[in-house]
Amino acid sequence: MVESQSPGQASEIEEAARFQARVDQEIKIEPRDWMPEGYRKTLVRQISQHAHSEIVGMLPEGCWVTRAPSLRRKVQLLAKIQDEAGHGLYLYSAAETLGTPRSEMIDALHSGRAKYSNIFNYPVLSWADIGTIGWLVDGAAIINQIALCRCSYGPYARAMERICREESFHQRQGYEIVMSMAFGTSEQKRMAQSALDRWWWPSLMMFGPSDQDTAHSSQSMAWKIKRVSNDDLRQQFVDMAVPQAEYLGLKIPDPDLKWNEERGHYDFGEIDWSELKRVVSGDGPCNKERMAARIKAHEDGTWVREAAVAYAEKKRQRESAARIAAE
């Protein structure tokens, strides 16, 4: 027996079919276009989480600006941190086009309802860590984000094009720092190896759970929000990073790592997924510290936001008065 459909249901089914056809034809979805509610919610969750990660990611690097070993390194790090702030703003703007106010997204972060990348919940213990973050963390981000340049949602895809160009500078900057240490004194090389030992596995976790354990991948792939699976992205990262480490004379901290001639890829050891779940759920080494710093920065900046709103209102009133006087 076929149940009858109301006119509203039939219309929505037709809209969904037209939407999927546009996605399948690689036509970008824009803010004014019809979209399934699930598509909108998935994008808001993903883009806002990405924006939160860019903003929170400034915190572990910010405290190293004054401790960078030279003026050149200070300027480079400061420029990188400013780039990350800009990435967060692009992404919040892209998410706002989906109808969710920025204040609502930030409130979700501060209340613990929204997540950010687990990698930023690990401590930054030395200058070698700053280089390794650029090399591995930004390197992993580029691999993930290049695929997002082909996301079906136009504002997100366009934001990612500029972000990827800037992230490539960050990755090269980080690798250059690690290279100078790996080819430096024995103590500098020891610091570089120590940083690699601590950041390797968290970097692999940046791509998210294994494909068989992801809750959103299959629908996100159908909607072309996500273009490559977590495991495939992770494999790309390993294949890129291992030769780079070998060039530096550093050892990847994985006894199971080996080249697989048949697959044409590196095999690598099992990731400790229980650690990922623990850190994502708020029990990482620096979760509480990062959130406390983020909330304090937001509260300390209240007067700036209020001043900007007051200035915008005065400007609007002046322009309105000028228009009336001219009529």
Protein backbone atom coordinates (compact mmCIF):
# COMPACT_ATOMS: atom_id res chain seq x y z
CA MET A 1 0.00 0.00 0.00
CA VAL A 2 1.43 3.40 -0.97
CA GLU A 3 0.77 6.17 1.50
CA SER A 4 -0.46 9.41 -0.01
CA GLN A 5 1.80 12.47 0.31
CA SER A 6 0.66 15.93 1.26
CA PRO A 7 1.45 18.71 -1.25
CA GLY A 8 4.10 20.06 1.13
CA GLN A 9 5.85 16.69 1.41
CA ALA A 10 5.81 16.18 -2.35
CA SER A 11 7.26 19.63 -2.89
CA GLU A 12 10.07 18.98 -0.41
CA ILE A 13 10.93 15.65 -2.06
CA GLU A 14 11.12 17.39 -5.43
CA GLU A 15 13.31 20.15 -3.96
CA ALA A 16 15.61 17.54 -2.41
CA ALA A 17 15.93 15.76 -5.76
CA ARG A 18 16.75 19.03 -7.56
CA PHE A 19 19.26 19.88 -4.81
CA GLN A 20 21.05 16.53 -5.10
CA ALA A 21 21.09 16.83 -8.90
CA ARG A 22 22.87 20.20 -8.62
CA VAL A 23 25.36 18.72 -6.17
CA ASP A 24 26.00 15.75 -8.48
CA GLN A 25 26.61 18.16 -11.38
CA GLU A 26 29.22 20.03 -9.27
CA ILE A 27 27.10 23.21 -9.20
CA LYS A 28 27.92 25.18 -6.05
CA ILE A 29 25.16 25.64 -3.51
CA GLU A 30 24.83 29.30 -2.47
CA PRO A 31 23.22 30.82 0.68
CA ARG A 32 19.92 31.74 -1.03
CA ASP A 33 19.47 28.29 -2.59
CA TRP A 34 17.10 25.72 -1.13
CA MET A 35 18.96 23.09 0.90
CA PRO A 36 17.94 20.18 3.18
CA GLU A 37 17.94 21.11 6.86
CA GLY A 38 20.44 18.32 7.53
CA TYR A 39 22.84 19.82 4.96
CA ARG A 40 22.55 23.22 6.65
CA LYS A 41 23.11 21.78 10.15
CA THR A 42 26.06 19.66 9.01
CA LEU A 43 27.73 22.68 7.43
CA VAL A 44 27.16 24.91 10.47
CA ARG A 45 28.61 22.22 12.74
CA GLN A 46 31.63 21.60 10.50
CA ILE A 47 32.43 25.21 9.55
CA SER A 48 31.98 26.55 13.09
CA GLN A 49 34.15 23.73 14.47
CA HIS A 50 36.77 24.65 11.90
CA ALA A 51 36.53 28.34 12.89
CA HIS A 52 36.82 27.48 16.59
CA SER A 53 39.96 25.42 15.83
CA GLU A 54 41.61 28.35 14.05
CA ILE A 55 40.88 30.70 16.96
CA VAL A 56 41.83 28.28 19.76
CA GLY A 57 44.91 27.30 17.75
CA MET A 58 46.33 30.79 18.27
CA LEU A 59 46.58 30.20 22.04
CA PRO A 60 49.45 27.66 22.25
CA GLU A 61 51.51 29.66 19.74
CA GLY A 62 50.75 33.10 21.20
CA CYS A 63 52.80 32.50 24.34
CA TRP A 64 55.88 31.74 22.19
CA VAL A 65 56.03 35.10 20.36
CA THR A 66 58.20 36.71 23.04
CA ARG A 67 60.31 33.56 23.45
CA ALA A 68 61.07 33.00 19.75
CA PRO A 69 64.87 32.78 19.30
CA SER A 70 65.31 35.78 16.95
CA LEU A 71 63.49 38.88 15.66
CA ARG A 72 62.94 37.09 12.33
CA ARG A 73 61.29 34.15 14.11
CA LYS A 74 59.13 36.48 16.23
CA VAL A 75 57.87 38.32 13.13
CA GLN A 76 57.15 35.05 11.33
CA LEU A 77 55.22 33.61 14.26
CA LEU A 78 53.27 36.82 14.80
CA ALA A 79 52.29 36.87 11.11
CA LYS A 80 51.19 33.24 11.31
CA ILE A 81 49.01 33.89 14.37
CA GLN A 82 47.39 36.85 12.60
CA ASP A 83 46.68 34.58 9.62
CA GLU A 84 44.97 32.05 11.90
CA ALA A 85 42.76 34.82 13.34
CA GLY A 86 41.81 35.80 9.80
CA HIS A 87 40.95 32.18 8.96
CA GLY A 88 38.62 32.04 11.94
CA LEU A 89 36.86 35.22 10.80
CA TYR A 90 36.44 33.98 7.20
CA LEU A 91 34.95 30.77 8.50
CA TYR A 92 32.58 32.38 11.00
CA SER A 93 31.39 34.62 8.15
CA ALA A 94 30.84 31.59 5.91
CA ALA A 95 28.85 29.85 8.66
CA GLU A 96 26.76 32.99 9.23
CA THR A 97 25.52 32.80 5.62
CA LEU A 98 23.67 29.67 6.74
CA GLY A 99 21.57 31.68 9.20
CA THR A 100 23.39 31.00 12.48
CA PRO A 101 24.64 34.13 14.33
CA ARG A 102 28.31 34.22 15.27
CA SER A 103 27.38 34.89 18.93
CA GLU A 104 25.45 31.61 18.99
CA MET A 105 28.41 29.65 17.61
CA ILE A 106 30.83 31.23 20.10
CA ASP A 107 28.43 30.56 22.97
CA ALA A 108 28.31 26.89 21.90
CA LEU A 109 32.12 26.75 22.05
CA HIS A 110 32.36 28.38 25.46
CA SER A 111 29.62 26.22 26.96
CA GLY A 112 31.29 23.02 25.69
CA ARG A 113 28.51 22.16 23.19
CA ALA A 114 30.80 22.76 20.20
CA LYS A 115 34.18 21.13 19.60
CA TYR A 116 37.49 22.26 18.17
CA SER A 117 40.48 20.28 16.92
CA ASN A 118 41.82 17.96 19.62
CA ILE A 119 45.42 18.76 18.59
CA PHE A 120 45.30 22.11 20.41
CA ASN A 121 44.76 20.42 23.76
CA TYR A 122 48.39 19.27 23.89
CA PRO A 123 51.12 21.37 25.58
CA VAL A 124 53.79 23.24 23.59
CA LEU A 125 56.95 22.56 25.58
CA SER A 126 59.77 23.93 23.41
CA TRP A 127 60.59 26.03 20.35
CA ALA A 128 60.95 22.75 18.43
CA ASP A 129 57.25 22.17 19.14
CA ILE A 130 56.39 25.41 17.33
CA GLY A 131 58.26 24.17 14.26
CA THR A 132 56.67 20.73 14.49
CA ILE A 133 53.18 22.23 14.79
CA GLY A 134 53.80 24.12 11.54
CA TRP A 135 55.27 21.06 9.82
CA LEU A 136 52.82 18.38 10.97
CA VAL A 137 49.68 20.15 12.24
CA ASP A 138 49.49 22.68 9.42
CA GLY A 139 50.63 19.97 7.01
CA ALA A 140 47.73 17.77 8.10
CA ALA A 141 45.37 20.76 7.89
CA ILE A 142 46.41 21.45 4.29
CA ILE A 143 45.74 17.86 3.21
CA ASN A 144 42.30 18.03 4.81
CA GLN A 145 41.50 21.51 3.54
CA ILE A 146 42.59 21.14 -0.08
CA ALA A 147 39.77 18.62 -0.43
CA LEU A 148 37.38 21.16 1.12
CA CYS A 149 38.14 23.64 -1.70
CA ARG A 150 35.83 21.38 -3.74
CA CYS A 151 33.07 21.43 -1.08
CA SER A 152 29.59 21.79 -2.59
CA TYR A 153 28.81 24.88 -0.48
CA GLY A 154 30.19 27.93 -2.30
CA PRO A 155 31.12 30.27 0.60
CA TYR A 156 32.98 27.48 2.42
CA ALA A 157 34.84 26.31 -0.70
CA ARG A 158 35.91 29.87 -1.59
CA ALA A 159 37.09 30.59 1.98
CA MET A 160 39.19 27.42 1.87
CA GLU A 161 41.06 28.50 -1.28
CA ARG A 162 42.63 31.49 0.47
CA ILE A 163 43.13 29.60 3.74
CA CYS A 164 45.01 26.79 1.96
CA ARG A 165 47.38 29.26 0.30
CA GLU A 166 48.25 30.77 3.69
CA GLU A 167 48.47 27.39 5.45
CA SER A 168 51.06 26.28 2.91
CA PHE A 169 53.31 29.13 4.13
CA HIS A 170 52.75 27.98 7.71
CA GLN A 171 53.72 24.42 6.85
CA ARG A 172 56.91 25.53 5.10
CA GLN A 173 57.75 27.90 7.94
CA GLY A 174 57.40 25.08 10.46
CA TYR A 175 59.43 22.64 8.39
CA GLU A 176 62.19 25.24 8.00
CA ILE A 177 62.33 25.67 11.80
CA VAL A 178 62.58 21.91 12.35
CA MET A 179 65.17 21.63 9.56
CA SER A 180 67.38 24.26 11.20
CA MET A 181 67.22 22.32 14.46
CA ALA A 182 67.61 18.84 12.94
CA PHE A 183 70.75 20.02 11.13
CA GLY A 184 71.95 22.06 14.12
CA THR A 185 73.63 21.01 17.34
CA SER A 186 73.07 17.58 18.89
CA GLU A 187 70.89 19.22 21.57
CA GLN A 188 68.76 20.96 18.92
CA LYS A 189 68.34 17.68 17.05
CA ARG A 190 67.32 15.96 20.28
CA MET A 191 64.67 18.66 20.83
CA ALA A 192 63.37 18.20 17.27
CA GLN A 193 63.11 14.42 17.76
CA SER A 194 61.35 14.90 21.10
CA ALA A 195 58.80 17.22 19.49
CA LEU A 196 58.20 14.72 16.66
CA ASP A 197 57.71 11.93 19.23
CA ARG A 198 55.02 13.95 21.04
CA TRP A 199 53.16 15.40 18.02
CA TRP A 200 53.16 12.48 15.58
CA TRP A 201 50.20 10.51 16.92
CA PRO A 202 48.01 13.54 17.79
CA SER A 203 48.63 14.75 14.20
CA LEU A 204 47.31 11.44 12.81
CA MET A 205 44.22 11.85 15.01
CA MET A 206 43.48 15.22 13.39
CA PHE A 207 41.77 13.43 10.51
CA GLY A 208 39.14 12.07 12.86
CA PRO A 209 38.03 8.53 13.65
CA SER A 210 38.54 5.59 11.34
CA ASP A 211 36.06 5.48 8.44
CA GLN A 212 34.23 2.55 9.97
CA ASP A 213 33.53 4.59 13.14
CA THR A 214 32.47 7.93 11.65
CA ALA A 215 28.88 9.00 12.18
CA HIS A 216 28.55 11.65 9.46
CA SER A 217 30.91 10.64 6.62
CA SER A 218 28.57 8.78 4.33
CA GLN A 219 25.93 11.53 4.08
CA SER A 220 28.60 14.26 3.94
CA MET A 221 30.22 12.44 1.02
CA ALA A 222 26.86 12.17 -0.79
CA TRP A 223 26.33 15.91 -0.30
CA LYS A 224 29.95 16.54 -1.37
CA ILE A 225 30.69 18.50 1.79
CA LYS A 226 33.36 15.91 2.42
CA ARG A 227 35.28 14.71 -0.65
CA VAL A 228 37.84 12.25 0.74
CA SER A 229 37.48 9.79 3.64
CA ASN A 230 39.32 10.22 6.95
CA ASP A 231 41.49 7.16 6.38
CA ASP A 232 42.47 8.18 2.85
CA LEU A 233 43.44 11.67 4.05
CA ARG A 234 45.44 10.15 6.90
CA GLN A 235 47.28 7.88 4.45
CA GLN A 236 48.15 10.90 2.25
CA PHE A 237 49.59 12.64 5.31
CA VAL A 238 51.73 9.66 6.34
CA ASP A 239 53.03 9.22 2.77
CA MET A 240 53.98 12.92 2.71
CA ALA A 241 55.50 13.22 6.20
CA VAL A 242 57.64 10.07 6.36
CA PRO A 243 60.08 11.06 3.55
CA GLN A 244 60.29 14.56 5.05
CA ALA A 245 61.28 13.08 8.43
CA GLU A 246 63.83 10.81 6.75
CA TYR A 247 65.41 13.82 5.01
CA LEU A 248 65.75 15.49 8.41
CA GLY A 249 67.32 12.38 9.91
CA LEU A 250 64.46 12.08 12.42
CA LYS A 251 62.68 8.86 13.33
CA ILE A 252 58.91 8.51 13.20
CA PRO A 253 57.84 7.07 16.59
CA ASP A 254 56.06 4.04 15.13
CA PRO A 255 57.74 0.59 15.17
CA ASP A 256 55.13 -0.72 12.71
CA LEU A 257 55.85 1.93 10.08
CA LYS A 258 57.13 0.43 6.82
CA TRP A 259 56.82 0.91 3.06
CA ASN A 260 54.31 -1.44 1.46
CA GLU A 261 55.51 -2.09 -2.09
CA GLU A 262 52.27 -3.77 -3.10
CA ARG A 263 50.00 -0.92 -1.93
CA GLY A 264 52.43 1.84 -2.86
CA HIS A 265 51.88 3.42 0.56
CA TYR A 266 53.35 3.33 4.04
CA ASP A 267 51.77 0.94 6.54
CA PHE A 268 51.55 2.42 10.02
CA GLY A 269 50.62 1.27 13.52
CA GLU A 270 47.24 1.31 15.24
CA ILE A 271 46.13 4.69 16.60
CA ASP A 272 45.08 4.88 20.24
CA TRP A 273 41.47 5.84 19.60
CA SER A 274 40.70 5.83 23.34
CA GLU A 275 43.05 8.82 23.69
CA LEU A 276 41.23 10.68 20.91
CA LYS A 277 37.87 10.07 22.62
CA ARG A 278 39.30 11.18 25.97
CA VAL A 279 40.77 14.42 24.59
CA VAL A 280 37.70 15.25 22.48
CA SER A 281 35.45 14.69 25.51
CA GLY A 282 37.39 17.34 27.47
CA ASP A 283 40.00 15.33 29.38
CA GLY A 284 43.10 16.26 27.40
CA PRO A 285 46.26 17.77 28.92
CA CYS A 286 45.21 21.39 28.22
CA ASN A 287 41.43 21.35 27.54
CA LYS A 288 40.49 23.40 30.62
CA GLU A 289 43.43 25.80 30.18
CA ARG A 290 42.58 26.49 26.53
CA MET A 291 38.89 27.14 27.22
CA ALA A 292 39.60 29.34 30.23
CA ALA A 293 42.01 31.46 28.13
CA ARG A 294 39.51 31.66 25.25
CA ILE A 295 36.61 32.73 27.50
CA LYS A 296 38.77 35.33 29.26
CA ALA A 297 39.89 36.78 25.91
CA HIS A 298 36.26 37.00 24.79
CA GLU A 299 35.17 38.70 28.02
CA ASP A 300 38.13 41.11 27.97
CA GLY A 301 37.17 42.07 24.41
CA THR A 302 33.57 42.98 25.29
CA TRP A 303 34.32 46.72 25.25
CA VAL A 304 35.81 46.45 21.74
CA ARG A 305 32.69 44.76 20.37
CA GLU A 306 30.44 47.30 22.11
CA ALA A 307 32.52 50.20 20.72
CA ALA A 308 32.33 48.74 17.20
CA VAL A 309 28.53 48.43 17.45
CA ALA A 310 28.22 52.01 18.77
CA TYR A 311 30.45 53.32 15.95
CA ALA A 312 28.41 51.45 13.33
CA GLU A 313 25.18 52.87 14.75
CA LYS A 314 26.55 56.46 14.72
CA LYS A 315 27.75 55.99 11.15
CA ARG A 316 24.32 54.68 10.14
CA GLN A 317 22.59 57.66 11.78
CA ARG A 318 24.95 60.15 10.07
CA GLU A 319 24.39 58.57 6.66
CA SER A 320 20.63 58.50 7.23
CA ALA A 321 20.61 62.21 8.22
CA ALA A 322 22.71 63.10 5.15
CA ARG A 323 20.27 61.26 2.84
CA ILE A 324 17.28 63.10 4.39
CA ALA A 325 19.06 66.47 4.07
CA ALA A 326 19.83 65.77 0.40
CA GLU A 327 16.20 64.93 -0.47
